[in-house]
Amino acid sequence: MSSKDRILGRIRRALRDDAPEAPIPRDYLPVHGTRTPAERVDLLAAHLAEYRAVVHRTDEEALPALLTRLLDARGSRSLLVPAGLPPHWLPAGGPTRVPDRAASTAYELDRVDSVVTGCALAVAETGTIVLDGGPDQGRRRITLVPDHHICVVRVPDQVVDSVPQALPLLDPTRPLTWISGPSATSDIELDRVEGVHGPRTLEVVLVGTQ
């Protein structure tokens, strides 16, 4: 019997309906060290900054004014808003609101100046924001096509230490998007190019008690 035959035989046996499921070892550390909620948020902020995201901190009351300043500084004239975004986050006036519509084309989304969303949760150890298409986040494409994304994270409630802690809190049937900083890629010469696979600018607003 050839090596190929042995390999294919193992695959056939593994795919049998009555084949016993092999246990998956999960003996890795679920988290590295013990942190207070404040330390967890500080670690998230530090890692986000390392990935070239712009991090802001504020409280619920000051959030509308901060978002207005960020949009004004960007010169945004149009703003994509998910249907379930809390209305008090954005005051009346400001950029023209663009609804999250299924019929929107990629060309139409590319013309939008900014998008503001919430998130499902954030991972401190990796500096990652996770979106799951919830009402305050909208469709996945609205955070991938526009060039400027402002993501609001409620801290410390939406922050976990590690990916193993995050996974049980997420629904694997939902469209999960894991974001670690603005979109970036490098070629073989290590020339970094931003904005190829998503927004060129990611601003993360950590909203909590000041």
Protein backbone atom coordinates (compact mmCIF):
# COMPACT_ATOMS: atom_id res chain seq x y z
CA MET A 1 0.00 0.00 0.00
CA SER A 2 1.34 3.41 -0.95
CA SER A 3 1.54 6.46 1.33
CA LYS A 4 -1.25 8.04 -0.71
CA ASP A 5 -3.53 5.04 -0.09
CA ARG A 6 -2.82 5.14 3.66
CA ILE A 7 -3.59 8.86 3.84
CA LEU A 8 -6.82 8.53 1.86
CA GLY A 9 -7.84 5.57 4.00
CA ARG A 10 -7.43 7.63 7.16
CA ILE A 11 -9.53 10.41 5.63
CA ARG A 12 -12.30 7.96 4.68
CA ARG A 13 -12.35 6.48 8.19
CA ALA A 14 -12.42 9.93 9.76
CA LEU A 15 -15.38 10.97 7.58
CA ARG A 16 -17.52 7.95 8.47
CA ASP A 17 -20.74 8.90 10.25
CA ASP A 18 -20.05 6.37 13.01
CA ALA A 19 -16.45 7.49 13.53
CA PRO A 20 -15.85 8.58 17.15
CA GLU A 21 -15.09 12.26 17.60
CA ALA A 22 -11.52 12.83 18.68
CA PRO A 23 -11.29 15.04 21.77
CA ILE A 24 -9.83 18.49 21.18
CA PRO A 25 -7.32 19.47 23.86
CA ARG A 26 -8.02 22.90 25.34
CA ASP A 27 -5.27 23.04 27.92
CA TYR A 28 -4.07 26.51 26.91
CA LEU A 29 -4.34 29.47 29.27
CA PRO A 30 -7.67 31.27 28.83
CA VAL A 31 -6.09 34.52 29.98
CA HIS A 32 -2.58 35.75 30.72
CA GLY A 33 -2.57 37.19 34.23
CA THR A 34 -5.25 38.80 36.37
CA ARG A 35 -6.43 42.34 35.68
CA THR A 36 -8.86 44.78 37.16
CA PRO A 37 -11.51 46.20 34.81
CA ALA A 38 -9.53 49.46 34.59
CA GLU A 39 -6.33 47.59 33.73
CA ARG A 40 -8.19 45.62 31.07
CA VAL A 41 -9.43 48.82 29.43
CA ASP A 42 -5.95 50.38 29.60
CA LEU A 43 -4.46 47.32 27.89
CA LEU A 44 -7.09 47.49 25.15
CA ALA A 45 -6.34 51.18 24.58
CA ALA A 46 -2.58 50.54 24.42
CA HIS A 47 -2.90 47.74 21.87
CA LEU A 48 -5.36 49.69 19.74
CA ALA A 49 -2.87 52.57 19.62
CA GLU A 50 -0.07 50.16 18.64
CA TYR A 51 -2.20 49.13 15.65
CA ARG A 52 -2.52 52.83 14.68
CA ALA A 53 -6.13 53.19 15.72
CA VAL A 54 -6.95 56.58 17.27
CA VAL A 55 -8.31 56.07 20.80
CA HIS A 56 -10.57 58.49 22.66
CA ARG A 57 -12.06 58.25 26.14
CA THR A 58 -15.25 59.90 27.30
CA ASP A 59 -18.44 59.35 29.27
CA GLU A 60 -22.00 58.87 28.03
CA GLU A 61 -22.94 62.50 28.58
CA ALA A 62 -20.00 63.90 26.59
CA LEU A 63 -20.19 61.30 23.79
CA PRO A 64 -22.36 63.35 21.37
CA ALA A 65 -20.05 66.36 21.62
CA LEU A 66 -16.98 64.19 21.06
CA LEU A 67 -18.46 62.48 18.00
CA THR A 68 -19.41 65.88 16.60
CA ARG A 69 -15.82 67.11 17.04
CA LEU A 70 -14.38 64.00 15.38
CA LEU A 71 -16.68 64.32 12.38
CA ASP A 72 -16.01 68.05 12.09
CA ALA A 73 -12.24 67.47 12.25
CA ARG A 74 -12.56 64.88 9.50
CA GLY A 75 -14.63 67.27 7.38
CA SER A 76 -17.33 64.64 7.02
CA ARG A 77 -20.34 65.75 5.02
CA SER A 78 -22.11 62.36 4.98
CA LEU A 79 -22.44 59.83 7.78
CA LEU A 80 -23.61 56.22 7.53
CA VAL A 81 -25.71 55.28 10.55
CA PRO A 82 -26.93 51.75 11.46
CA ALA A 83 -30.64 51.53 12.19
CA GLY A 84 -30.12 50.57 15.83
CA LEU A 85 -27.51 53.17 16.76
CA PRO A 86 -28.68 54.92 19.96
CA PRO A 87 -30.18 58.20 18.74
CA HIS A 88 -28.72 60.24 21.61
CA TRP A 89 -25.16 59.43 20.46
CA LEU A 90 -25.45 61.89 17.60
CA PRO A 91 -27.03 65.32 18.10
CA ALA A 92 -29.35 66.88 15.56
CA GLY A 93 -27.68 68.50 12.59
CA GLY A 94 -24.19 67.64 11.43
CA PRO A 95 -23.36 65.51 8.38
CA THR A 96 -26.12 64.19 6.14
CA ARG A 97 -27.33 60.87 7.55
CA VAL A 98 -27.10 57.88 5.21
CA PRO A 99 -29.17 54.85 6.31
CA ASP A 100 -27.83 51.31 6.22
CA ARG A 101 -29.75 49.93 3.23
CA ALA A 102 -29.48 46.49 1.68
CA ALA A 103 -29.81 48.08 -1.76
CA SER A 104 -26.75 50.33 -1.33
CA THR A 105 -24.02 49.56 -3.86
CA ALA A 106 -20.31 49.46 -3.08
CA TYR A 107 -19.92 52.65 -5.14
CA GLU A 108 -22.53 54.43 -3.00
CA LEU A 109 -20.89 53.26 0.22
CA ASP A 110 -17.48 54.38 -1.02
CA ARG A 111 -18.82 57.91 -1.37
CA VAL A 112 -19.80 58.06 2.33
CA ASP A 113 -17.32 60.08 4.39
CA SER A 114 -17.72 58.34 7.76
CA VAL A 115 -19.58 55.59 9.60
CA VAL A 116 -20.35 55.38 13.33
CA THR A 117 -21.14 52.02 14.96
CA GLY A 118 -21.19 50.23 18.25
CA CYS A 119 -19.56 46.81 18.72
CA ALA A 120 -20.29 43.36 20.12
CA LEU A 121 -17.21 43.30 22.35
CA ALA A 122 -13.49 44.08 22.47
CA VAL A 123 -10.47 41.92 23.34
CA ALA A 124 -7.82 43.60 25.48
CA GLU A 125 -4.88 41.23 24.89
CA THR A 126 -5.09 41.53 21.11
CA GLY A 127 -6.47 45.07 20.75
CA THR A 128 -9.38 43.71 18.73
CA ILE A 129 -12.88 45.07 18.17
CA VAL A 130 -15.51 42.46 17.26
CA LEU A 131 -18.64 43.32 15.26
CA ASP A 132 -21.48 40.83 14.84
CA GLY A 133 -23.94 42.76 12.68
CA GLY A 134 -26.07 43.81 15.65
CA PRO A 135 -28.58 46.68 15.41
CA ASP A 136 -26.00 49.30 16.42
CA GLN A 137 -23.42 47.90 13.96
CA GLY A 138 -25.32 47.26 10.74
CA ARG A 139 -24.17 45.16 7.81
CA ARG A 140 -20.55 44.10 7.62
CA ARG A 141 -19.88 46.04 4.42
CA ILE A 142 -20.71 49.43 5.94
CA THR A 143 -17.58 49.16 8.10
CA LEU A 144 -15.38 47.85 5.29
CA VAL A 145 -16.10 50.20 2.39
CA PRO A 146 -16.17 53.76 3.86
CA ASP A 147 -12.72 55.20 4.59
CA HIS A 148 -13.42 56.40 8.14
CA HIS A 149 -14.93 54.24 10.91
CA ILE A 150 -15.73 55.47 14.41
CA CYS A 151 -16.48 52.54 16.73
CA VAL A 152 -17.95 53.09 20.19
CA VAL A 153 -17.05 50.58 22.92
CA ARG A 154 -18.81 50.61 26.28
CA VAL A 155 -16.16 50.07 28.95
CA PRO A 156 -15.57 48.03 30.96
CA ASP A 157 -18.72 46.00 30.20
CA GLN A 158 -17.87 45.15 26.58
CA VAL A 159 -14.17 44.40 27.18
CA VAL A 160 -12.81 40.91 27.84
CA ASP A 161 -9.20 39.89 28.44
CA SER A 162 -8.64 37.28 25.74
CA VAL A 163 -9.94 35.55 22.63
CA PRO A 164 -10.80 32.33 24.59
CA GLN A 165 -13.00 34.49 26.82
CA ALA A 166 -14.60 36.23 23.84
CA LEU A 167 -15.59 33.16 21.80
CA PRO A 168 -18.27 31.77 24.18
CA LEU A 169 -19.92 35.20 24.24
CA LEU A 170 -20.29 35.35 20.44
CA ASP A 171 -22.79 33.63 18.19
CA PRO A 172 -20.83 31.74 15.48
CA THR A 173 -23.83 31.90 13.13
CA ARG A 174 -23.63 35.71 12.97
CA PRO A 175 -21.33 37.62 10.55
CA LEU A 176 -18.38 38.23 12.86
CA THR A 177 -15.81 40.86 11.88
CA TRP A 178 -12.61 41.03 13.93
CA ILE A 179 -10.88 44.40 13.64
CA SER A 180 -7.37 45.07 14.93
CA GLY A 181 -6.59 48.62 13.83
CA PRO A 182 -7.24 50.24 10.45
CA SER A 183 -6.93 48.17 7.30
CA ALA A 184 -3.29 47.63 6.32
CA THR A 185 -1.16 45.30 4.25
CA SER A 186 2.48 45.06 3.22
CA ASP A 187 4.15 43.73 0.10
CA ILE A 188 7.32 41.64 -0.02
CA GLU A 189 9.38 44.81 0.47
CA LEU A 190 7.38 45.51 3.68
CA ASP A 191 5.95 48.73 2.25
CA ARG A 192 2.83 49.31 4.32
CA VAL A 193 -0.34 50.38 2.52
CA GLU A 194 -3.45 51.33 4.49
CA GLY A 195 -7.07 51.25 3.37
CA VAL A 196 -6.88 48.32 0.95
CA HIS A 197 -9.23 45.94 2.77
CA GLY A 198 -11.22 48.37 4.88
CA PRO A 199 -11.18 51.86 6.42
CA ARG A 200 -7.95 53.80 6.28
CA THR A 201 -8.79 55.50 9.59
CA LEU A 202 -10.22 53.73 12.64
CA GLU A 203 -11.20 55.80 15.66
CA VAL A 204 -12.27 53.93 18.80
CA VAL A 205 -14.24 55.74 21.47
CA LEU A 206 -14.13 54.11 24.90
CA VAL A 207 -17.25 55.22 26.73
CA GLY A 208 -17.35 54.75 30.48
CA THR A 209 -17.43 56.49 33.82
CA GLN A 210 -14.82 59.22 33.97
